Structures are given as structure tokens and as C-alpha cells.
C-alpha atoms as a PDB file:
ATOM      1  CA  MET A   1      -6.233 -25.796  31.219  1.00  0.00           C
ATOM      2  CA  GLU A   2      -2.988 -25.388  29.307  1.00  0.00           C
ATOM      3  CA  LEU A   3      -4.377 -27.173  26.266  1.00  0.00           C
ATOM      4  CA  SER A   4      -7.443 -24.930  26.101  1.00  0.00           C
ATOM      5  CA  LEU A   5      -5.298 -21.790  26.437  1.00  0.00           C
ATOM      6  CA  ARG A   6      -3.056 -23.047  23.639  1.00  0.00           C
ATOM      7  CA  ASN A   7      -6.104 -23.779  21.482  1.00  0.00           C
ATOM      8  CA  GLY A   8      -7.529 -20.328  22.212  1.00  0.00           C
ATOM      9  CA  VAL A   9      -4.293 -18.572  21.248  1.00  0.00           C
ATOM     10  CA  ASP A  10      -4.014 -20.703  18.113  1.00  0.00           C
ATOM     11  CA  LEU A  11      -7.609 -19.887  17.186  1.00  0.00           C
ATOM     12  CA  GLY A  12      -7.047 -16.178  17.766  1.00  0.00           C
ATOM     13  CA  LEU A  13      -3.920 -16.148  15.591  1.00  0.00           C
ATOM     14  CA  THR A  14      -5.733 -18.102  12.878  1.00  0.00           C
ATOM     15  CA  VAL A  15      -8.647 -15.663  12.907  1.00  0.00           C
ATOM     16  CA  LEU A  16      -6.241 -12.719  12.634  1.00  0.00           C
ATOM     17  CA  TRP A  17      -4.475 -14.411   9.706  1.00  0.00           C
ATOM     18  CA  TRP A  18      -7.802 -14.819   7.885  1.00  0.00           C
ATOM     19  CA  ILE A  19      -8.783 -11.214   8.594  1.00  0.00           C
ATOM     20  CA  VAL A  20      -5.549  -9.981   7.016  1.00  0.00           C
ATOM     21  CA  PHE A  21      -6.012 -12.378   4.088  1.00  0.00           C
ATOM     22  CA  LEU A  22      -9.576 -11.141   3.543  1.00  0.00           C
ATOM     23  CA  ARG A  23      -8.296  -7.578   3.599  1.00  0.00           C
ATOM     24  CA  VAL A  24      -5.853  -8.420   0.814  1.00  0.00           C
ATOM     25  CA  LEU A  25      -8.624 -10.013  -1.253  1.00  0.00           C
ATOM     26  CA  SER A  26     -11.024  -7.165  -0.639  1.00  0.00           C
ATOM     27  CA  SER A  27      -8.381  -4.653  -1.728  1.00  0.00           C
ATOM     28  CA  TRP A  28      -8.473  -6.269  -5.164  1.00  0.00           C
ATOM     29  CA  PHE A  29     -12.258  -6.116  -5.520  1.00  0.00           C
ATOM     30  CA  ASP A  30     -13.532  -3.273  -3.337  1.00  0.00           C
ATOM     31  CA  ARG A  31     -10.854  -0.599  -3.117  1.00  0.00           C
ATOM     32  CA  GLU A  32     -13.327   2.110  -2.101  1.00  0.00           C
ATOM     33  CA  GLY A  33     -14.742   0.112   0.807  1.00  0.00           C
ATOM     34  CA  ARG A  34     -18.338   0.220  -0.372  1.00  0.00           C
ATOM     35  CA  TYR A  35     -19.346  -2.957   1.414  1.00  0.00           C
ATOM     36  CA  ALA A  36     -19.708  -3.358   5.173  1.00  0.00           C
ATOM     37  CA  ALA A  37     -17.633  -6.561   5.166  1.00  0.00           C
ATOM     38  CA  THR A  38     -14.745  -4.720   3.519  1.00  0.00           C
ATOM     39  CA  ARG A  39     -14.908  -1.892   6.032  1.00  0.00           C
ATOM     40  CA  LEU A  40     -14.997  -4.419   8.884  1.00  0.00           C
ATOM     41  CA  THR A  41     -11.902  -6.259   7.659  1.00  0.00           C
ATOM     42  CA  TYR A  42     -10.091  -2.927   7.294  1.00  0.00           C
ATOM     43  CA  GLU A  43     -11.060  -1.877  10.826  1.00  0.00           C
ATOM     44  CA  LEU A  44     -10.027  -5.220  12.319  1.00  0.00           C
ATOM     45  CA  SER A  45      -6.732  -5.515  10.442  1.00  0.00           C
ATOM     46  CA  GLU A  46      -5.506  -1.931  10.645  1.00  0.00           C
ATOM     47  CA  PRO A  47      -4.267  -2.240  14.277  1.00  0.00           C
ATOM     48  CA  ILE A  48      -2.060  -5.106  13.101  1.00  0.00           C
ATOM     49  CA  LEU A  49      -0.846  -3.545   9.856  1.00  0.00           C
ATOM     50  CA  ALA A  50      -0.307   0.105  10.860  1.00  0.00           C
ATOM     51  CA  PRO A  51       2.607  -0.591  13.249  1.00  0.00           C
ATOM     52  CA  LEU A  52       4.292  -2.771  10.615  1.00  0.00           C
ATOM     53  CA  ARG A  53       4.092   0.012   8.025  1.00  0.00           C
ATOM     54  CA  ARG A  54       6.141   2.284  10.290  1.00  0.00           C
ATOM     55  CA  PHE A  55       9.036  -0.185  10.266  1.00  0.00           C
ATOM     56  CA  LEU A  56       8.898  -1.338   6.653  1.00  0.00           C
ATOM     57  CA  PRO A  57      10.614   0.695   3.956  1.00  0.00           C
ATOM     58  CA  GLY A  58       8.336   2.347   1.420  1.00  0.00           C
ATOM     59  CA  GLY A  59       7.675  -0.138  -1.339  1.00  0.00           C
ATOM     60  CA  GLY A  60       6.097   2.212  -3.818  1.00  0.00           C
ATOM     61  CA  ALA A  61       2.707   0.970  -4.936  1.00  0.00           C
ATOM     62  CA  ILE A  62       2.930  -2.297  -2.998  1.00  0.00           C
ATOM     63  CA  ASP A  63       2.008  -2.492   0.686  1.00  0.00           C
ATOM     64  CA  TRP A  64       4.123  -5.286   2.138  1.00  0.00           C
ATOM     65  CA  SER A  65       2.619  -5.094   5.638  1.00  0.00           C
ATOM     66  CA  PRO A  66      -0.088  -7.763   5.029  1.00  0.00           C
ATOM     67  CA  LEU A  67       2.519 -10.267   3.837  1.00  0.00           C
ATOM     68  CA  VAL A  68       4.765  -9.558   6.813  1.00  0.00           C
ATOM     69  CA  ALA A  69       1.792  -9.781   9.203  1.00  0.00           C
ATOM     70  CA  MET A  70       0.690 -13.102   7.751  1.00  0.00           C
ATOM     71  CA  LEU A  71       4.220 -14.519   8.027  1.00  0.00           C
ATOM     72  CA  VAL A  72       4.553 -13.330  11.633  1.00  0.00           C
ATOM     73  CA  LEU A  73       1.146 -14.766  12.537  1.00  0.00           C
ATOM     74  CA  GLN A  74       2.099 -18.137  11.000  1.00  0.00           C
ATOM     75  CA  PHE A  75       5.407 -18.086  12.887  1.00  0.00           C
ATOM     76  CA  LEU A  76       3.592 -17.360  16.159  1.00  0.00           C
ATOM     77  CA  ARG A  77       1.133 -20.189  15.478  1.00  0.00           C
ATOM     78  CA  ARG A  78       4.036 -22.607  15.097  1.00  0.00           C
ATOM     79  CA  LEU A  79       5.482 -21.443  18.416  1.00  0.00           C
ATOM     80  CA  VAL A  80       2.204 -22.207  20.161  1.00  0.00           C
END
């Protein structure tokens, strides 16, 4: 039971990491959100990134929240 719970948490954190990563990539190619996949990654990642933006200092043109989220998700994966 414990092993499957650990695997499930690890899988969930990995999926979230990839969602944030895909959001970063899509921001380079589809800034307007014309494609459904881009809109989906934005909708799925925004609940993770929005709280981080409140605590991070304004970085001008660079949004550091995806980097911080990806680092936190990797740290959490290592704890599991």
C-alpha cells in the first residue's frame, strides 16, 4: 500500500512538473493561446504558479514562478 501511494504521489508531481515545463515551452511559441493544448497547460498550471507570483519579487519581463515551481516539485519528488 505504501509503495503504491508513494508511486502515485511521485507520478502526480512528475505530471505537474511536465505541465509547468510545457507551459514554458508554449509561452515561447504560442503567446496568444491560440491552440487548445496551450490553453489547457495554462489552465492546469495557473493554480500552481499564481500563488508563487504573490511571493516572488517583480522580475520585470521575466516570470520566475515556473522555475521556482519546477524546483519545488523536484525537491518534493526527492522527499518522496
